[in-house]
Amino acid sequence: MDKTKATIVPNASHGIGRKNLSTGAARAHHNMEMQRFLARVGCLLLGLACVITLALFCFQGFHLAGFHLETSLMNWIGAATIGTVAGLLGIVYRAVFRSD
């Protein structure tokens, strides 16, 4: 069997599977899976941070259960969340519109 050719077979969990892949193709597949995992975890954590920030602003704005934080801290939390989202959008923009 020729080991330089990669044979890709369907897999129900990820859409593609590995069967008789060369070392380079196996490494590329592993890198893609790691990138997919890290992207999912990153997006999940960013979404969680945004939901928590929104909850803090709601608690602060409606004074629920006597909740109160300093205004400067609330400004810092909002700016940090906006900065993180802007940074992620910048990374995605560069990845999608990269000129090689």
C-alpha atoms as a PDB file:
ATOM      1  CA  MET A   1       0.000   0.000   0.000  1.00  0.00           C
ATOM      2  CA  ASP A   2       1.308   3.468  -0.892  1.00  0.00           C
ATOM      3  CA  LYS A   3       1.992   5.342   2.369  1.00  0.00           C
ATOM      4  CA  THR A   4       2.236   8.779   0.767  1.00  0.00           C
ATOM      5  CA  LYS A   5      -1.480   9.006   0.042  1.00  0.00           C
ATOM      6  CA  ALA A   6      -4.001   9.783   2.747  1.00  0.00           C
ATOM      7  CA  THR A   7      -7.286   7.969   2.782  1.00  0.00           C
ATOM      8  CA  ILE A   8     -10.047   9.876   4.544  1.00  0.00           C
ATOM      9  CA  VAL A   9     -13.146   7.994   5.579  1.00  0.00           C
ATOM     10  CA  PRO A  10     -16.392   9.399   7.009  1.00  0.00           C
ATOM     11  CA  ASN A  11     -16.725   9.441  10.779  1.00  0.00           C
ATOM     12  CA  ALA A  12     -19.973  10.228  12.576  1.00  0.00           C
ATOM     13  CA  SER A  13     -18.369  12.274  15.346  1.00  0.00           C
ATOM     14  CA  HIS A  14     -16.168  14.722  13.414  1.00  0.00           C
ATOM     15  CA  GLY A  15     -17.073  14.308   9.779  1.00  0.00           C
ATOM     16  CA  ILE A  16     -13.674  12.839   8.841  1.00  0.00           C
ATOM     17  CA  GLY A  17     -11.610  10.043  10.278  1.00  0.00           C
ATOM     18  CA  ARG A  18      -8.094   8.725   9.885  1.00  0.00           C
ATOM     19  CA  LYS A  19      -7.231   5.541   8.080  1.00  0.00           C
ATOM     20  CA  ASN A  20      -3.786   4.892   6.653  1.00  0.00           C
ATOM     21  CA  LEU A  21      -2.743   8.542   6.919  1.00  0.00           C
ATOM     22  CA  SER A  22       0.854   9.483   6.337  1.00  0.00           C
ATOM     23  CA  THR A  23       2.733  11.100   9.205  1.00  0.00           C
ATOM     24  CA  GLY A  24       2.283  14.593   7.786  1.00  0.00           C
ATOM     25  CA  ALA A  25      -1.414  14.123   7.197  1.00  0.00           C
ATOM     26  CA  ALA A  26      -1.859  12.632  10.680  1.00  0.00           C
ATOM     27  CA  ARG A  27      -0.058  15.613  12.196  1.00  0.00           C
ATOM     28  CA  ALA A  28      -2.201  18.036  10.189  1.00  0.00           C
ATOM     29  CA  HIS A  29      -5.360  16.216  11.312  1.00  0.00           C
ATOM     30  CA  HIS A  30      -4.207  16.361  14.936  1.00  0.00           C
ATOM     31  CA  ASN A  31      -3.462  20.090  14.622  1.00  0.00           C
ATOM     32  CA  MET A  32      -6.910  20.731  13.161  1.00  0.00           C
ATOM     33  CA  GLU A  33      -8.564  18.821  15.991  1.00  0.00           C
ATOM     34  CA  MET A  34      -6.558  20.778  18.578  1.00  0.00           C
ATOM     35  CA  GLN A  35      -7.459  24.077  16.918  1.00  0.00           C
ATOM     36  CA  ARG A  36     -11.131  23.076  16.890  1.00  0.00           C
ATOM     37  CA  PHE A  37     -10.980  22.115  20.586  1.00  0.00           C
ATOM     38  CA  LEU A  38      -9.180  25.311  21.603  1.00  0.00           C
ATOM     39  CA  ALA A  39     -11.585  27.454  19.581  1.00  0.00           C
ATOM     40  CA  ARG A  40     -14.577  25.814  21.256  1.00  0.00           C
ATOM     41  CA  VAL A  41     -13.122  26.195  24.749  1.00  0.00           C
ATOM     42  CA  GLY A  42     -12.117  29.798  24.054  1.00  0.00           C
ATOM     43  CA  CYS A  43     -15.550  30.714  22.743  1.00  0.00           C
ATOM     44  CA  LEU A  44     -17.226  28.958  25.660  1.00  0.00           C
ATOM     45  CA  LEU A  45     -15.099  30.846  28.189  1.00  0.00           C
ATOM     46  CA  LEU A  46     -15.624  34.158  26.405  1.00  0.00           C
ATOM     47  CA  GLY A  47     -19.378  33.579  26.312  1.00  0.00           C
ATOM     48  CA  LEU A  48     -19.373  32.726  30.005  1.00  0.00           C
ATOM     49  CA  ALA A  49     -17.391  35.896  30.778  1.00  0.00           C
ATOM     50  CA  CYS A  50     -19.873  38.004  28.780  1.00  0.00           C
ATOM     51  CA  VAL A  51     -22.868  36.444  30.565  1.00  0.00           C
ATOM     52  CA  ILE A  52     -21.270  37.035  33.969  1.00  0.00           C
ATOM     53  CA  THR A  53     -20.473  40.639  33.026  1.00  0.00           C
ATOM     54  CA  LEU A  54     -24.067  41.186  31.893  1.00  0.00           C
ATOM     55  CA  ALA A  55     -25.321  39.664  35.145  1.00  0.00           C
ATOM     56  CA  LEU A  56     -23.073  42.001  37.154  1.00  0.00           C
ATOM     57  CA  PHE A  57     -24.411  45.011  35.285  1.00  0.00           C
ATOM     58  CA  CYS A  58     -28.005  43.844  35.829  1.00  0.00           C
ATOM     59  CA  PHE A  59     -27.426  43.271  39.541  1.00  0.00           C
ATOM     60  CA  GLN A  60     -25.756  46.676  39.804  1.00  0.00           C
ATOM     61  CA  GLY A  61     -28.424  48.498  37.788  1.00  0.00           C
ATOM     62  CA  PHE A  62     -31.464  46.994  39.507  1.00  0.00           C
ATOM     63  CA  HIS A  63     -29.824  46.859  42.970  1.00  0.00           C
ATOM     64  CA  LEU A  64     -30.871  43.243  43.400  1.00  0.00           C
ATOM     65  CA  ALA A  65     -30.296  41.832  46.927  1.00  0.00           C
ATOM     66  CA  GLY A  66     -28.400  44.961  47.941  1.00  0.00           C
ATOM     67  CA  PHE A  67     -25.705  44.327  45.312  1.00  0.00           C
ATOM     68  CA  HIS A  68     -23.274  47.225  44.928  1.00  0.00           C
ATOM     69  CA  LEU A  69     -19.834  47.563  43.352  1.00  0.00           C
ATOM     70  CA  GLU A  70     -17.753  50.673  42.842  1.00  0.00           C
ATOM     71  CA  THR A  71     -18.404  52.518  39.582  1.00  0.00           C
ATOM     72  CA  SER A  72     -14.733  52.394  38.617  1.00  0.00           C
ATOM     73  CA  LEU A  73     -14.708  48.601  39.032  1.00  0.00           C
ATOM     74  CA  MET A  74     -17.809  48.251  36.872  1.00  0.00           C
ATOM     75  CA  ASN A  75     -16.181  50.460  34.213  1.00  0.00           C
ATOM     76  CA  TRP A  76     -13.049  48.299  34.328  1.00  0.00           C
ATOM     77  CA  ILE A  77     -15.055  45.059  34.011  1.00  0.00           C
ATOM     78  CA  GLY A  78     -17.000  46.440  31.033  1.00  0.00           C
ATOM     79  CA  ALA A  79     -13.852  47.710  29.308  1.00  0.00           C
ATOM     80  CA  ALA A  80     -12.057  44.395  29.858  1.00  0.00           C
ATOM     81  CA  THR A  81     -14.972  42.472  28.332  1.00  0.00           C
ATOM     82  CA  ILE A  82     -15.197  44.809  25.339  1.00  0.00           C
ATOM     83  CA  GLY A  83     -11.425  44.596  24.842  1.00  0.00           C
ATOM     84  CA  THR A  84     -11.506  40.804  24.903  1.00  0.00           C
ATOM     85  CA  VAL A  85     -14.333  40.611  22.371  1.00  0.00           C
ATOM     86  CA  ALA A  86     -12.559  43.134  20.123  1.00  0.00           C
ATOM     87  CA  GLY A  87      -9.333  41.126  20.355  1.00  0.00           C
ATOM     88  CA  LEU A  88     -11.117  37.906  19.396  1.00  0.00           C
ATOM     89  CA  LEU A  89     -12.812  39.642  16.463  1.00  0.00           C
ATOM     90  CA  GLY A  90      -9.420  40.939  15.328  1.00  0.00           C
ATOM     91  CA  ILE A  91      -7.951  37.434  15.429  1.00  0.00           C
ATOM     92  CA  VAL A  92     -10.881  36.025  13.457  1.00  0.00           C
ATOM     93  CA  TYR A  93     -10.718  38.867  10.917  1.00  0.00           C
ATOM     94  CA  ARG A  94      -6.990  38.283  10.323  1.00  0.00           C
ATOM     95  CA  ALA A  95      -7.521  34.525   9.991  1.00  0.00           C
ATOM     96  CA  VAL A  96     -10.393  34.870   7.524  1.00  0.00           C
ATOM     97  CA  PHE A  97      -8.970  37.684   5.385  1.00  0.00           C
ATOM     98  CA  ARG A  98      -5.304  36.709   5.539  1.00  0.00           C
ATOM     99  CA  SER A  99      -3.409  37.497   2.358  1.00  0.00           C
ATOM    100  CA  ASP A 100      -0.730  34.866   1.752  1.00  0.00           C
END
